[in-house]
Amino acid sequence: MSDKQHAIELLDRLAPGQLAAVVHLLETMIPPEEDSDTLSPAEAKAIAEADEWSKHNQPIPHEQVLAELGLTMDAWEKMSRDP
């Protein structure tokens, strides 16, 4: 059995979440195409998922996210100025 055939056999046995992780890994291993205006399948999927999420959920204010991380807007702005 070739490596490619073995890989396909193993992929067929993965759960959906495991398969998604392998696809992400493979996408990071393959150099991006020259056309930078084109979204990768992973990017398109992430945008679609975010769009779907936003249809059923209220947006989370930036300040709330920062507060959950123990940050303030002042600290965030300082971080953006001082890399």
Protein backbone atom coordinates (compact mmCIF):
# COMPACT_ATOMS: atom_id res chain seq x y z
CA MET A 1 0.00 0.00 0.00
CA SER A 2 1.39 3.44 -0.94
CA ASP A 3 1.70 6.25 1.59
CA LYS A 4 -1.08 8.14 -0.17
CA GLN A 5 -3.44 5.14 -0.02
CA HIS A 6 -2.58 4.60 3.64
CA ALA A 7 -3.24 8.27 4.39
CA ILE A 8 -6.63 8.09 2.69
CA GLU A 9 -7.51 4.97 4.67
CA LEU A 10 -6.57 6.71 7.93
CA LEU A 11 -8.49 9.87 6.99
CA ASP A 12 -11.61 7.79 6.40
CA ARG A 13 -11.42 6.56 10.01
CA LEU A 14 -11.22 10.03 11.62
CA ALA A 15 -14.07 11.74 13.45
CA PRO A 16 -15.18 15.08 11.92
CA GLY A 17 -13.27 17.17 14.48
CA GLN A 18 -10.11 15.14 13.97
CA LEU A 19 -10.45 15.44 10.19
CA ALA A 20 -10.81 19.23 10.47
CA ALA A 21 -7.60 19.36 12.52
CA VAL A 22 -5.72 17.31 9.92
CA VAL A 23 -7.04 19.51 7.11
CA HIS A 24 -5.83 22.60 8.99
CA LEU A 25 -2.41 21.02 9.47
CA LEU A 26 -2.17 20.15 5.78
CA GLU A 27 -3.17 23.69 4.81
CA THR A 28 -0.32 25.08 6.91
CA MET A 29 2.14 22.69 5.26
CA ILE A 30 1.26 23.70 1.69
CA PRO A 31 2.58 27.07 0.50
CA PRO A 32 -0.14 29.63 -0.19
CA GLU A 33 -1.11 30.29 -3.77
CA GLU A 34 0.16 33.45 -5.42
CA ASP A 35 -3.27 35.07 -5.51
CA SER A 36 -3.52 36.57 -2.02
CA ASP A 37 -7.04 37.89 -2.71
CA THR A 38 -8.43 34.36 -2.64
CA LEU A 39 -9.56 32.92 0.68
CA SER A 40 -8.34 29.51 1.70
CA PRO A 41 -11.03 26.91 2.41
CA ALA A 42 -10.28 27.28 6.13
CA GLU A 43 -10.66 31.08 5.96
CA ALA A 44 -13.93 30.82 4.03
CA LYS A 45 -15.22 28.27 6.55
CA ALA A 46 -14.27 30.49 9.52
CA ILE A 47 -16.06 33.46 7.96
CA ALA A 48 -19.17 31.36 7.26
CA GLU A 49 -19.17 30.05 10.85
CA ALA A 50 -18.81 33.57 12.27
CA ASP A 51 -21.62 34.79 10.04
CA GLU A 52 -23.86 31.94 11.18
CA TRP A 53 -22.97 32.59 14.83
CA SER A 54 -23.81 36.28 14.48
CA LYS A 55 -27.31 35.41 13.21
CA HIS A 56 -28.15 33.75 16.54
CA ASN A 57 -26.06 35.69 19.07
CA GLN A 58 -25.58 39.24 20.21
CA PRO A 59 -22.17 40.80 19.52
CA ILE A 60 -19.79 40.86 22.47
CA PRO A 61 -18.46 44.35 23.24
CA HIS A 62 -14.70 44.73 22.88
CA GLU A 63 -14.49 46.08 26.43
CA GLN A 64 -16.15 42.94 27.80
CA VAL A 65 -13.71 40.66 26.01
CA LEU A 66 -10.78 42.70 27.33
CA ALA A 67 -12.21 42.67 30.86
CA GLU A 68 -12.49 38.87 30.74
CA LEU A 69 -8.78 38.84 29.88
CA GLY A 70 -8.01 41.24 32.73
CA LEU A 71 -7.27 44.18 30.43
CA THR A 72 -8.65 47.70 30.08
CA MET A 73 -9.08 49.75 26.92
CA ASP A 74 -6.17 51.95 28.05
CA ALA A 75 -3.93 48.89 28.41
CA TRP A 76 -5.08 47.62 25.01
CA GLU A 77 -4.32 50.94 23.34
CA LYS A 78 -0.91 51.06 25.02
CA MET A 79 -0.17 47.55 23.77
CA SER A 80 -1.05 48.63 20.23
CA ARG A 81 1.47 51.46 20.40
CA ASP A 82 4.28 49.51 22.11
CA PRO A 83 4.88 46.20 20.32
